[in-house]
C-alpha atoms as a PDB file:
ATOM      1  CA  MET A   1      73.070  95.447  59.061  1.00  0.00           C
ATOM      2  CA  LEU A   2      75.625  97.422  60.683  1.00  0.00           C
ATOM      3  CA  LEU A   3      79.346  97.139  59.098  1.00  0.00           C
ATOM      4  CA  ILE A   4      82.166  97.829  61.435  1.00  0.00           C
ATOM      5  CA  VAL A   5      85.339  98.454  59.470  1.00  0.00           C
ATOM      6  CA  GLY A   6      88.533  97.473  61.149  1.00  0.00           C
ATOM      7  CA  PRO A   7      89.380  94.713  63.945  1.00  0.00           C
ATOM      8  CA  GLY A   8      91.802  96.728  65.979  1.00  0.00           C
ATOM      9  CA  ALA A   9      91.144  97.807  69.651  1.00  0.00           C
ATOM     10  CA  VAL A  10      88.319 100.328  68.976  1.00  0.00           C
ATOM     11  CA  GLY A  11      86.746  97.911  66.596  1.00  0.00           C
ATOM     12  CA  THR A  12      86.975  94.893  68.707  1.00  0.00           C
ATOM     13  CA  VAL A  13      85.502  96.719  71.646  1.00  0.00           C
ATOM     14  CA  ILE A  14      82.480  98.272  69.651  1.00  0.00           C
ATOM     15  CA  ALA A  15      81.948  94.875  67.939  1.00  0.00           C
ATOM     16  CA  GLY A  16      82.163  93.103  71.217  1.00  0.00           C
ATOM     17  CA  TYR A  17      79.670  95.259  73.139  1.00  0.00           C
ATOM     18  CA  LEU A  18      77.159  95.560  70.301  1.00  0.00           C
ATOM     19  CA  GLY A  19      77.405  91.868  69.349  1.00  0.00           C
ATOM     20  CA  ALA A  20      76.546  91.037  72.984  1.00  0.00           C
ATOM     21  CA  ALA A  21      73.580  93.264  72.682  1.00  0.00           C
ATOM     22  CA  GLY A  22      72.248  91.253  70.040  1.00  0.00           C
ATOM     23  CA  ARG A  23      73.060  93.934  67.121  1.00  0.00           C
ATOM     24  CA  PRO A  24      73.132  92.564  63.687  1.00  0.00           C
ATOM     25  CA  LEU A  25      76.637  93.208  62.379  1.00  0.00           C
ATOM     26  CA  ARG A  26      79.645  92.328  60.332  1.00  0.00           C
ATOM     27  CA  LEU A  27      83.186  93.027  61.066  1.00  0.00           C
ATOM     28  CA  GLN A  28      85.308  93.990  58.008  1.00  0.00           C
ATOM     29  CA  CYS A  29      88.950  93.098  57.850  1.00  0.00           C
ATOM     30  CA  THR A  30      91.535  93.300  55.182  1.00  0.00           C
ATOM     31  CA  ARG A  31      92.717  90.063  53.423  1.00  0.00           C
ATOM     32  CA  HIS A  32      95.817  90.322  55.275  1.00  0.00           C
ATOM     33  CA  ASP A  33      94.222  90.470  58.675  1.00  0.00           C
ATOM     34  CA  LEU A  34      91.542  88.091  57.778  1.00  0.00           C
ATOM     35  CA  PRO A  35      93.300  84.641  58.733  1.00  0.00           C
ATOM     36  CA  ALA A  36      94.617  85.821  62.354  1.00  0.00           C
ATOM     37  CA  VAL A  37      91.024  87.367  62.889  1.00  0.00           C
ATOM     38  CA  ALA A  38      89.152  84.163  61.803  1.00  0.00           C
ATOM     39  CA  ALA A  39      91.520  82.094  64.004  1.00  0.00           C
ATOM     40  CA  ALA A  40      90.085  83.505  67.097  1.00  0.00           C
ATOM     41  CA  GLU A  41      87.634  81.370  68.923  1.00  0.00           C
ATOM     42  CA  GLY A  42      85.594  84.318  70.244  1.00  0.00           C
ATOM     43  CA  ILE A  43      85.733  88.099  71.072  1.00  0.00           C
ATOM     44  CA  ALA A  44      86.612  89.331  74.404  1.00  0.00           C
ATOM     45  CA  VAL A  45      87.018  92.732  76.015  1.00  0.00           C
ATOM     46  CA  GLU A  46      88.730  93.075  79.515  1.00  0.00           C
ATOM     47  CA  ARG A  47      87.737  96.111  81.760  1.00  0.00           C
ATOM     48  CA  VAL A  48      90.754  97.520  83.819  1.00  0.00           C
ATOM     49  CA  THR A  49      87.981  99.742  85.354  1.00  0.00           C
ATOM     50  CA  GLY A  50      86.238  96.627  87.091  1.00  0.00           C
ATOM     51  CA  GLY A  51      83.819  93.944  86.223  1.00  0.00           C
ATOM     52  CA  PRO A  52      83.887  90.892  84.646  1.00  0.00           C
ATOM     53  CA  ALA A  53      85.444  90.489  80.841  1.00  0.00           C
ATOM     54  CA  LEU A  54      82.834  90.850  78.230  1.00  0.00           C
ATOM     55  CA  ALA A  55      83.256  87.512  76.182  1.00  0.00           C
ATOM     56  CA  GLY A  56      81.085  86.323  73.214  1.00  0.00           C
ATOM     57  CA  PRO A  57      81.361  84.403  69.747  1.00  0.00           C
ATOM     58  CA  ARG A  58      83.493  85.838  66.983  1.00  0.00           C
ATOM     59  CA  PRO A  59      81.309  88.094  64.775  1.00  0.00           C
ATOM     60  CA  LEU A  60      80.597  87.380  61.270  1.00  0.00           C
ATOM     61  CA  LEU A  61      83.691  88.602  59.253  1.00  0.00           C
ATOM     62  CA  THR A  62      83.805  89.975  55.678  1.00  0.00           C
ATOM     63  CA  THR A  63      86.294  91.439  53.457  1.00  0.00           C
ATOM     64  CA  SER A  64      83.824  93.025  51.128  1.00  0.00           C
ATOM     65  CA  ALA A  65      80.194  93.621  52.317  1.00  0.00           C
ATOM     66  CA  ASP A  66      77.113  93.383  50.219  1.00  0.00           C
ATOM     67  CA  PRO A  67      75.819  97.050  49.423  1.00  0.00           C
ATOM     68  CA  ASP A  68      72.300  95.927  49.716  1.00  0.00           C
ATOM     69  CA  GLU A  69      72.601  94.863  53.319  1.00  0.00           C
ATOM     70  CA  VAL A  70      74.612  97.677  54.685  1.00  0.00           C
ATOM     71  CA  ARG A  71      72.645 100.188  56.561  1.00  0.00           C
ATOM     72  CA  GLN A  72      75.236 101.896  58.662  1.00  0.00           C
ATOM     73  CA  VAL A  73      78.965 101.833  58.659  1.00  0.00           C
ATOM     74  CA  LEU A  74      81.247 102.275  61.689  1.00  0.00           C
ATOM     75  CA  ILE A  75      84.773 103.101  60.553  1.00  0.00           C
ATOM     76  CA  CYS A  76      87.321 102.176  63.140  1.00  0.00           C
ATOM     77  CA  VAL A  77      90.811 102.228  61.763  1.00  0.00           C
ATOM     78  CA  LYS A  78      93.625 104.545  62.347  1.00  0.00           C
ATOM     79  CA  HIS A  79      94.689 107.252  59.908  1.00  0.00           C
ATOM     80  CA  PRO A  80      97.402 105.357  57.963  1.00  0.00           C
ATOM     81  CA  ASP A  81      94.673 102.688  57.287  1.00  0.00           C
ATOM     82  CA  LEU A  82      91.959 104.997  56.163  1.00  0.00           C
ATOM     83  CA  ASP A  83      92.548 104.986  52.494  1.00  0.00           C
ATOM     84  CA  ALA A  84      92.617 101.269  52.449  1.00  0.00           C
ATOM     85  CA  ALA A  85      89.526 100.916  54.666  1.00  0.00           C
ATOM     86  CA  LEU A  86      87.576 103.293  52.245  1.00  0.00           C
ATOM     87  CA  ASP A  87      88.673 101.373  49.239  1.00  0.00           C
ATOM     88  CA  GLY A  88      87.303  98.233  50.879  1.00  0.00           C
ATOM     89  CA  LEU A  89      83.719  99.856  51.231  1.00  0.00           C
ATOM     90  CA  PRO A  90      80.975  99.035  48.527  1.00  0.00           C
ATOM     91  CA  ALA A  91      81.200 101.737  46.059  1.00  0.00           C
ATOM     92  CA  ASP A  92      77.281 101.367  45.221  1.00  0.00           C
ATOM     93  CA  MET A  93      76.109 101.642  48.880  1.00  0.00           C
ATOM     94  CA  ARG A  94      72.689 103.465  49.118  1.00  0.00           C
ATOM     95  CA  ALA A  95      73.255 107.243  49.205  1.00  0.00           C
ATOM     96  CA  ASP A  96      71.525 107.655  52.475  1.00  0.00           C
ATOM     97  CA  THR A  97      73.776 104.943  54.122  1.00  0.00           C
ATOM     98  CA  PRO A  98      75.545 106.877  57.164  1.00  0.00           C
ATOM     99  CA  LEU A  99      79.406 106.677  57.440  1.00  0.00           C
ATOM    100  CA  VAL A 100      80.434 107.031  61.117  1.00  0.00           C
ATOM    101  CA  SER A 101      84.034 107.971  61.537  1.00  0.00           C
ATOM    102  CA  THR A 102      85.523 106.929  65.116  1.00  0.00           C
ATOM    103  CA  LEU A 103      89.032 108.470  64.174  1.00  0.00           C
ATOM    104  CA  ASN A 104      90.898 111.055  66.160  1.00  0.00           C
ATOM    105  CA  GLY A 105      90.643 114.639  64.772  1.00  0.00           C
ATOM    106  CA  VAL A 106      88.798 115.987  61.765  1.00  0.00           C
ATOM    107  CA  GLY A 107      90.871 115.134  58.843  1.00  0.00           C
ATOM    108  CA  ALA A 108      89.408 111.829  58.484  1.00  0.00           C
ATOM    109  CA  LEU A 109      85.856 113.370  58.269  1.00  0.00           C
ATOM    110  CA  ARG A 110      87.307 115.401  55.360  1.00  0.00           C
ATOM    111  CA  ARG A 111      88.736 112.260  53.661  1.00  0.00           C
ATOM    112  CA  ILE A 112      85.494 110.367  53.802  1.00  0.00           C
ATOM    113  CA  ARG A 113      83.482 113.160  52.399  1.00  0.00           C
ATOM    114  CA  GLU A 114      85.741 113.519  49.382  1.00  0.00           C
ATOM    115  CA  ARG A 115      85.580 109.727  48.891  1.00  0.00           C
ATOM    116  CA  PHE A 116      81.729 109.349  49.412  1.00  0.00           C
ATOM    117  CA  PRO A 117      80.242 112.837  48.418  1.00  0.00           C
ATOM    118  CA  GLY A 118      76.394 112.659  49.272  1.00  0.00           C
ATOM    119  CA  HIS A 119      76.427 110.243  52.106  1.00  0.00           C
ATOM    120  CA  PRO A 120      75.938 111.354  55.787  1.00  0.00           C
ATOM    121  CA  VAL A 121      79.212 111.439  57.449  1.00  0.00           C
ATOM    122  CA  LEU A 122      79.088 111.620  61.168  1.00  0.00           C
ATOM    123  CA  PRO A 123      81.644 111.971  63.914  1.00  0.00           C
ATOM    124  CA  ALA A 124      81.614 109.733  66.717  1.00  0.00           C
ATOM    125  CA  THR A 125      83.993 110.648  69.719  1.00  0.00           C
ATOM    126  CA  ILE A 126      85.536 107.635  71.367  1.00  0.00           C
ATOM    127  CA  LEU A 127      85.822 108.580  74.996  1.00  0.00           C
ATOM    128  CA  PHE A 128      87.719 105.571  76.240  1.00  0.00           C
ATOM    129  CA  ASN A 129      91.154 103.983  75.783  1.00  0.00           C
ATOM    130  CA  ALA A 130      91.585 100.464  74.585  1.00  0.00           C
ATOM    131  CA  GLN A 131      94.650  98.190  73.659  1.00  0.00           C
ATOM    132  CA  LEU A 132      94.457  95.126  71.396  1.00  0.00           C
ATOM    133  CA  LEU A 133      96.031  92.399  73.207  1.00  0.00           C
ATOM    134  CA  GLU A 134      95.599  89.889  70.218  1.00  0.00           C
ATOM    135  CA  PRO A 135      93.181  89.508  67.370  1.00  0.00           C
ATOM    136  CA  LEU A 136      89.476  90.140  68.843  1.00  0.00           C
ATOM    137  CA  HIS A 137      91.033  90.418  72.410  1.00  0.00           C
ATOM    138  CA  ALA A 138      91.044  94.074  73.719  1.00  0.00           C
ATOM    139  CA  ARG A 139      91.267  95.671  77.189  1.00  0.00           C
ATOM    140  CA  VAL A 140      89.724  98.861  78.005  1.00  0.00           C
ATOM    141  CA  SER A 141      91.425 101.193  80.468  1.00  0.00           C
ATOM    142  CA  ALA A 142      88.585 103.634  80.904  1.00  0.00           C
ATOM    143  CA  ARG A 143      84.912 103.472  81.300  1.00  0.00           C
ATOM    144  CA  PRO A 144      83.422 102.588  77.717  1.00  0.00           C
ATOM    145  CA  GLN A 145      81.488 105.517  76.260  1.00  0.00           C
ATOM    146  CA  ILE A 146      81.103 107.341  73.063  1.00  0.00           C
ATOM    147  CA  GLY A 147      79.955 110.973  72.098  1.00  0.00           C
ATOM    148  CA  ILE A 148      77.366 111.047  69.366  1.00  0.00           C
ATOM    149  CA  PRO A 149      75.256 114.119  68.488  1.00  0.00           C
ATOM    150  CA  ARG A 150      71.582 113.978  69.620  1.00  0.00           C
ATOM    151  CA  GLU A 151      70.110 114.574  66.193  1.00  0.00           C
ATOM    152  CA  HIS A 152      71.739 111.378  64.763  1.00  0.00           C
ATOM    153  CA  GLY A 153      69.074 109.104  66.428  1.00  0.00           C
ATOM    154  CA  ALA A 154      69.616 105.926  64.294  1.00  0.00           C
ATOM    155  CA  THR A 155      73.232 105.860  65.485  1.00  0.00           C
ATOM    156  CA  VAL A 156      72.351 106.582  69.144  1.00  0.00           C
ATOM    157  CA  ALA A 157      69.666 103.835  68.968  1.00  0.00           C
ATOM    158  CA  LEU A 158      72.304 101.658  67.988  1.00  0.00           C
ATOM    159  CA  PHE A 159      74.332 101.787  71.113  1.00  0.00           C
ATOM    160  CA  ARG A 160      71.334 102.193  73.572  1.00  0.00           C
ATOM    161  CA  GLY A 161      71.353  99.244  76.151  1.00  0.00           C
ATOM    162  CA  SER A 162      74.725  97.931  74.797  1.00  0.00           C
ATOM    163  CA  GLY A 163      76.752  98.857  77.988  1.00  0.00           C
ATOM    164  CA  LEU A 164      78.628 101.419  75.772  1.00  0.00           C
ATOM    165  CA  ARG A 165      77.445 104.770  77.301  1.00  0.00           C
ATOM    166  CA  VAL A 166      76.325 107.254  74.699  1.00  0.00           C
ATOM    167  CA  ARG A 167      76.900 111.104  75.679  1.00  0.00           C
ATOM    168  CA  ALA A 168      75.487 113.798  73.833  1.00  0.00           C
ATOM    169  CA  ALA A 169      78.268 115.612  71.587  1.00  0.00           C
ATOM    170  CA  ARG A 170      78.135 118.663  69.618  1.00  0.00           C
ATOM    171  CA  GLY A 171      79.243 117.093  66.157  1.00  0.00           C
ATOM    172  CA  GLU A 172      82.554 118.537  64.777  1.00  0.00           C
ATOM    173  CA  ALA A 173      82.922 120.829  67.759  1.00  0.00           C
ATOM    174  CA  ALA A 174      83.242 117.537  69.861  1.00  0.00           C
ATOM    175  CA  ALA A 175      85.741 116.424  67.394  1.00  0.00           C
ATOM    176  CA  TRP A 176      87.935 119.350  67.651  1.00  0.00           C
ATOM    177  CA  GLY A 177      87.514 119.388  71.413  1.00  0.00           C
ATOM    178  CA  LYS A 178      88.588 115.788  71.769  1.00  0.00           C
ATOM    179  CA  LEU A 179      91.631 116.721  69.358  1.00  0.00           C
ATOM    180  CA  LEU A 180      92.629 119.404  71.863  1.00  0.00           C
ATOM    181  CA  PHE A 181      92.397 116.902  74.669  1.00  0.00           C
ATOM    182  CA  ASN A 182      94.512 114.351  72.697  1.00  0.00           C
ATOM    183  CA  LEU A 183      97.297 116.880  72.442  1.00  0.00           C
ATOM    184  CA  SER A 184      98.601 115.146  75.450  1.00  0.00           C
ATOM    185  CA  ALA A 185      99.307 111.983  73.294  1.00  0.00           C
ATOM    186  CA  GLY A 186     102.652 113.200  71.836  1.00  0.00           C
ATOM    187  CA  ILE A 187     103.867 114.160  75.555  1.00  0.00           C
ATOM    188  CA  ALA A 188     102.889 110.482  76.754  1.00  0.00           C
ATOM    189  CA  ALA A 189     104.425 108.983  73.801  1.00  0.00           C
ATOM    190  CA  LEU A 190     107.936 110.720  74.136  1.00  0.00           C
ATOM    191  CA  THR A 191     108.033 110.102  77.889  1.00  0.00           C
ATOM    192  CA  HIS A 192     106.127 106.793  78.035  1.00  0.00           C
ATOM    193  CA  SER A 193     103.820 108.325  80.253  1.00  0.00           C
ATOM    194  CA  THR A 194      99.985 107.584  81.577  1.00  0.00           C
ATOM    195  CA  PHE A 195      97.293 110.301  81.192  1.00  0.00           C
ATOM    196  CA  ARG A 196      97.592 110.722  85.082  1.00  0.00           C
ATOM    197  CA  GLU A 197     101.456 111.656  84.642  1.00  0.00           C
ATOM    198  CA  VAL A 198     100.920 113.997  81.847  1.00  0.00           C
ATOM    199  CA  LEU A 199      98.278 115.637  84.180  1.00  0.00           C
ATOM    200  CA  THR A 200     100.260 115.765  87.438  1.00  0.00           C
ATOM    201  CA  VAL A 201     103.922 115.741  86.649  1.00  0.00           C
ATOM    202  CA  PRO A 202     104.846 119.332  86.889  1.00  0.00           C
ATOM    203  CA  GLY A 203     107.167 119.446  83.608  1.00  0.00           C
ATOM    204  CA  LEU A 204     104.747 117.620  81.709  1.00  0.00           C
ATOM    205  CA  ARG A 205     101.596 119.382  82.723  1.00  0.00           C
ATOM    206  CA  ALA A 206     103.296 122.530  81.721  1.00  0.00           C
ATOM    207  CA  VAL A 207     103.929 121.369  78.228  1.00  0.00           C
ATOM    208  CA  TYR A 208     100.588 119.945  77.913  1.00  0.00           C
ATOM    209  CA  ALA A 209      99.109 123.295  79.133  1.00  0.00           C
ATOM    210  CA  ASP A 210     101.123 125.227  76.721  1.00  0.00           C
ATOM    211  CA  LEU A 211      99.804 122.911  73.829  1.00  0.00           C
ATOM    212  CA  LEU A 212      96.334 123.295  74.749  1.00  0.00           C
ATOM    213  CA  ASP A 213      96.333 127.100  75.183  1.00  0.00           C
ATOM    214  CA  GLU A 214      97.980 127.524  71.718  1.00  0.00           C
ATOM    215  CA  GLY A 215      95.859 124.920  70.051  1.00  0.00           C
ATOM    216  CA  ALA A 216      92.552 126.791  71.525  1.00  0.00           C
ATOM    217  CA  GLU A 217      93.943 130.115  70.405  1.00  0.00           C
ATOM    218  CA  VAL A 218      94.462 129.005  66.950  1.00  0.00           C
ATOM    219  CA  LEU A 219      90.893 127.526  66.721  1.00  0.00           C
ATOM    220  CA  ARG A 220      89.395 130.644  68.127  1.00  0.00           C
ATOM    221  CA  THR A 221      91.320 132.831  65.673  1.00  0.00           C
ATOM    222  CA  ALA A 222      90.257 130.442  62.719  1.00  0.00           C
ATOM    223  CA  GLY A 223      86.516 130.729  63.936  1.00  0.00           C
ATOM    224  CA  ILE A 224      86.358 127.103  64.627  1.00  0.00           C
ATOM    225  CA  ASP A 225      83.995 126.088  67.653  1.00  0.00           C
ATOM    226  CA  PHE A 226      85.109 123.263  69.966  1.00  0.00           C
ATOM    227  CA  SER A 227      84.063 121.497  73.011  1.00  0.00           C
ATOM    228  CA  VAL A 228      86.427 119.829  75.215  1.00  0.00           C
ATOM    229  CA  PRO A 229      85.525 116.305  76.918  1.00  0.00           C
ATOM    230  CA  VAL A 230      86.333 117.354  80.395  1.00  0.00           C
ATOM    231  CA  GLY A 231      82.818 118.994  81.427  1.00  0.00           C
ATOM    232  CA  VAL A 232      84.031 122.262  82.141  1.00  0.00           C
ATOM    233  CA  PRO A 233      85.290 125.076  79.972  1.00  0.00           C
ATOM    234  CA  LEU A 234      88.784 124.872  78.799  1.00  0.00           C
ATOM    235  CA  THR A 235      89.793 128.040  80.479  1.00  0.00           C
ATOM    236  CA  VAL A 236      88.748 126.386  83.887  1.00  0.00           C
ATOM    237  CA  PHE A 237      90.652 123.006  83.026  1.00  0.00           C
ATOM    238  CA  LEU A 238      93.736 125.081  82.001  1.00  0.00           C
ATOM    239  CA  ARG A 239      93.647 126.831  85.337  1.00  0.00           C
ATOM    240  CA  LEU A 240      93.615 123.770  87.056  1.00  0.00           C
ATOM    241  CA  LEU A 241      96.448 122.207  85.074  1.00  0.00           C
ATOM    242  CA  ARG A 242      98.856 124.956  85.580  1.00  0.00           C
ATOM    243  CA  HIS A 243      98.031 125.244  89.418  1.00  0.00           C
ATOM    244  CA  ASN A 244      96.737 121.909  90.602  1.00  0.00           C
ATOM    245  CA  GLY A 245      97.460 118.949  88.726  1.00  0.00           C
ATOM    246  CA  GLY A 246      95.882 116.588  90.928  1.00  0.00           C
ATOM    247  CA  ALA A 247      92.644 118.559  90.542  1.00  0.00           C
ATOM    248  CA  ALA A 248      92.998 118.258  86.656  1.00  0.00           C
ATOM    249  CA  TRP A 249      93.490 114.544  86.882  1.00  0.00           C
ATOM    250  CA  ARG A 250      90.631 113.813  89.299  1.00  0.00           C
ATOM    251  CA  LEU A 251      88.308 115.890  86.876  1.00  0.00           C
ATOM    252  CA  ALA A 252      89.252 114.200  83.880  1.00  0.00           C
ATOM    253  CA  ALA A 253      89.351 110.911  85.261  1.00  0.00           C
ATOM    254  CA  TRP A 254      85.861 111.278  86.625  1.00  0.00           C
ATOM    255  CA  ARG A 255      84.585 112.695  83.423  1.00  0.00           C
ATOM    256  CA  LEU A 256      86.077 110.152  81.039  1.00  0.00           C
ATOM    257  CA  GLY A 257      86.289 107.176  83.439  1.00  0.00           C
ATOM    258  CA  LEU A 258      90.165 107.020  83.147  1.00  0.00           C
ATOM    259  CA  GLY A 259      92.037 104.621  85.318  1.00  0.00           C
ATOM    260  CA  GLY A 260      95.153 105.336  86.631  1.00  0.00           C
ATOM    261  CA  SER A 261      97.101 103.283  84.357  1.00  0.00           C
ATOM    262  CA  ALA A 262      95.413 104.340  81.185  1.00  0.00           C
ATOM    263  CA  TYR A 263      97.749 105.874  78.437  1.00  0.00           C
ATOM    264  CA  PRO A 264      97.235 107.099  74.785  1.00  0.00           C
ATOM    265  CA  SER A 265      97.462 104.609  72.177  1.00  0.00           C
ATOM    266  CA  MET A 266     100.521 106.553  70.365  1.00  0.00           C
ATOM    267  CA  VAL A 267     102.667 105.502  73.507  1.00  0.00           C
ATOM    268  CA  SER A 268     102.526 101.954  72.424  1.00  0.00           C
ATOM    269  CA  ASP A 269     102.569 103.072  68.605  1.00  0.00           C
ATOM    270  CA  LEU A 270     105.996 104.859  69.128  1.00  0.00           C
ATOM    271  CA  ALA A 271     107.254 102.318  71.244  1.00  0.00           C
ATOM    272  CA  HIS A 272     106.648  99.551  68.676  1.00  0.00           C
ATOM    273  CA  GLY A 273     107.936 101.518  65.930  1.00  0.00           C
ATOM    274  CA  ARG A 274     104.465 102.138  64.406  1.00  0.00           C
ATOM    275  CA  ARG A 275     103.587 105.353  62.477  1.00  0.00           C
ATOM    276  CA  THR A 276     101.924 107.563  65.043  1.00  0.00           C
ATOM    277  CA  GLU A 277      98.875 110.075  64.436  1.00  0.00           C
ATOM    278  CA  ILE A 278     100.765 113.058  65.381  1.00  0.00           C
ATOM    279  CA  ASP A 279     100.098 114.895  62.136  1.00  0.00           C
ATOM    280  CA  LEU A 280      96.410 114.473  62.855  1.00  0.00           C
ATOM    281  CA  LEU A 281      96.715 116.056  66.422  1.00  0.00           C
ATOM    282  CA  SER A 282      99.402 118.713  67.021  1.00  0.00           C
ATOM    283  CA  GLY A 283     100.269 118.421  63.490  1.00  0.00           C
ATOM    284  CA  GLU A 284      96.683 119.559  62.709  1.00  0.00           C
ATOM    285  CA  ILE A 285      96.919 122.503  64.711  1.00  0.00           C
ATOM    286  CA  ALA A 286     100.253 123.495  63.188  1.00  0.00           C
ATOM    287  CA  GLY A 287      99.013 123.334  59.771  1.00  0.00           C
ATOM    288  CA  LEU A 288      95.649 125.005  60.393  1.00  0.00           C
ATOM    289  CA  ALA A 289      97.879 128.013  62.063  1.00  0.00           C
ATOM    290  CA  ARG A 290     100.072 127.870  59.027  1.00  0.00           C
ATOM    291  CA  ARG A 291      96.994 128.123  56.517  1.00  0.00           C
ATOM    292  CA  LYS A 292      95.571 131.171  58.708  1.00  0.00           C
ATOM    293  CA  GLY A 293      98.754 133.076  58.798  1.00  0.00           C
ATOM    294  CA  LEU A 294      99.347 132.199  62.496  1.00  0.00           C
ATOM    295  CA  GLU A 295     102.009 130.626  64.522  1.00  0.00           C
ATOM    296  CA  ALA A 296     101.736 127.470  66.516  1.00  0.00           C
ATOM    297  CA  THR A 297     105.460 126.775  67.641  1.00  0.00           C
ATOM    298  CA  ARG A 298     104.667 124.618  70.454  1.00  0.00           C
ATOM    299  CA  ASN A 299     102.558 122.246  68.582  1.00  0.00           C
ATOM    300  CA  GLN A 300     104.947 122.359  65.753  1.00  0.00           C
ATOM    301  CA  ARG A 301     107.671 121.386  68.049  1.00  0.00           C
ATOM    302  CA  ILE A 302     105.986 118.356  69.689  1.00  0.00           C
ATOM    303  CA  ALA A 303     105.249 117.224  66.255  1.00  0.00           C
ATOM    304  CA  GLU A 304     108.700 117.428  65.122  1.00  0.00           C
ATOM    305  CA  LEU A 305     109.979 115.514  68.210  1.00  0.00           C
ATOM    306  CA  VAL A 306     107.577 112.729  67.733  1.00  0.00           C
ATOM    307  CA  THR A 307     108.497 112.366  64.118  1.00  0.00           C
ATOM    308  CA  ALA A 308     112.224 112.405  64.991  1.00  0.00           C
ATOM    309  CA  ALA A 309     111.405 109.463  67.438  1.00  0.00           C
ATOM    310  CA  GLU A 310     109.411 107.685  64.665  1.00  0.00           C
ATOM    311  CA  ARG A 311     112.536 107.924  62.475  1.00  0.00           C
ATOM    312  CA  GLY A 312     114.859 106.570  65.088  1.00  0.00           C
ATOM    313  CA  GLU A 313     116.514 109.791  65.253  1.00  0.00           C
ATOM    314  CA  SER A 314     116.107 110.641  68.849  1.00  0.00           C
ATOM    315  CA  ARG A 315     116.301 108.392  71.897  1.00  0.00           C
ATOM    316  CA  ILE A 316     113.213 107.704  73.852  1.00  0.00           C
ATOM    317  CA  PRO A 317     111.857 107.508  76.636  1.00  0.00           C
ATOM    318  CA  MET A 318     112.756 111.020  77.571  1.00  0.00           C
ATOM    319  CA  THR A 319     112.429 112.328  81.136  1.00  0.00           C
ATOM    320  CA  ALA A 320     110.156 115.345  81.854  1.00  0.00           C
ATOM    321  CA  ASP A 321     113.263 117.565  82.238  1.00  0.00           C
ATOM    322  CA  MET A 322     114.399 116.455  78.891  1.00  0.00           C
ATOM    323  CA  LEU A 323     111.143 117.053  77.159  1.00  0.00           C
ATOM    324  CA  VAL A 324     110.911 120.514  78.676  1.00  0.00           C
ATOM    325  CA  ALA A 325     114.503 121.374  77.289  1.00  0.00           C
ATOM    326  CA  ALA A 326     113.754 120.004  73.891  1.00  0.00           C
ATOM    327  CA  MET A 327     110.394 121.862  73.738  1.00  0.00           C
ATOM    328  CA  ASP A 328     112.435 125.275  74.704  1.00  0.00           C
ATOM    329  CA  ARG A 329     115.148 124.679  71.918  1.00  0.00           C
ATOM    330  CA  ARG A 330     114.771 127.633  69.360  1.00  0.00           C
ATOM    331  CA  GLN A 331     115.892 125.451  66.256  1.00  0.00           C
ATOM    332  CA  ALA A 332     113.863 122.450  65.245  1.00  0.00           C
ATOM    333  CA  THR A 333     116.209 119.804  63.587  1.00  0.00           C
ATOM    334  CA  VAL A 334     113.369 117.558  62.084  1.00  0.00           C
ATOM    335  CA  ARG A 335     110.273 118.772  60.128  1.00  0.00           C
ATOM    336  CA  PRO A 336     107.256 116.633  60.399  1.00  0.00           C
ATOM    337  CA  GLY A 337     106.701 114.839  57.105  1.00  0.00           C
END
């Protein structure tokens, strides 16, 4: 039996597709979330990119799964909820039970391995954007696909024929590459922009190119392999981003199935006063740079700006010109915490 942990946007989309494909699964919720999720009549996934909505019965719900039944775990929560999600997993699961993380970045992989040493811990790269409209009702704003290393055959087989396309991914190199691509999230959150706007509006794409360039250099210097999910080497994508934003957008949209209205979830998180994952994106790059005796001033600055907005210490949304000016200020006023 598959255990999907987290009834948020990603968990709802995956549960909807796998449930419709007849996969035996349970959806694990916290006791706090359970009443609202249990009140949903069924599960629904709307697709902005076209096609009828996917609809089905409500999946079986649990707050504490039977360790004897669990054969694979998909962890589909946000970073602030990861520790609580791990606390809710059966401590006596079979040691060969794979724990598959769908979280952004690589910090979650480290945390899961610390909590469950000896278990296979696998990265699954989510290559779509989704928003949770209400419990068990999500909207996908990009072609639903997921990146899984080929060598993890059982996980690949889980998605085969489900409607969720599986793309071969290079393990943690794919997770680092997705982290680089997601450096766009801080820009989008501060300016309330879509992916398309970040890649095409001159000031925004200039900031994004700087973040990408700096982040890639930190990873290379640290000896960390990465594979960006845009289908071309990062050097090519950066060249397009700096000189032809329209081409950069068309490439990303084609490769990732992005619709013109798609935006990072951090936009909604910041707009609604929720804690963002900036520390796991630009903050991860800045932290790695510090540990290696390097500098990542651009990523450090965007992390500071998002953190200030989280605390209500700056006004959002910014215009592109305002963001460019804020990025160019020498002195940062807020440190990410």
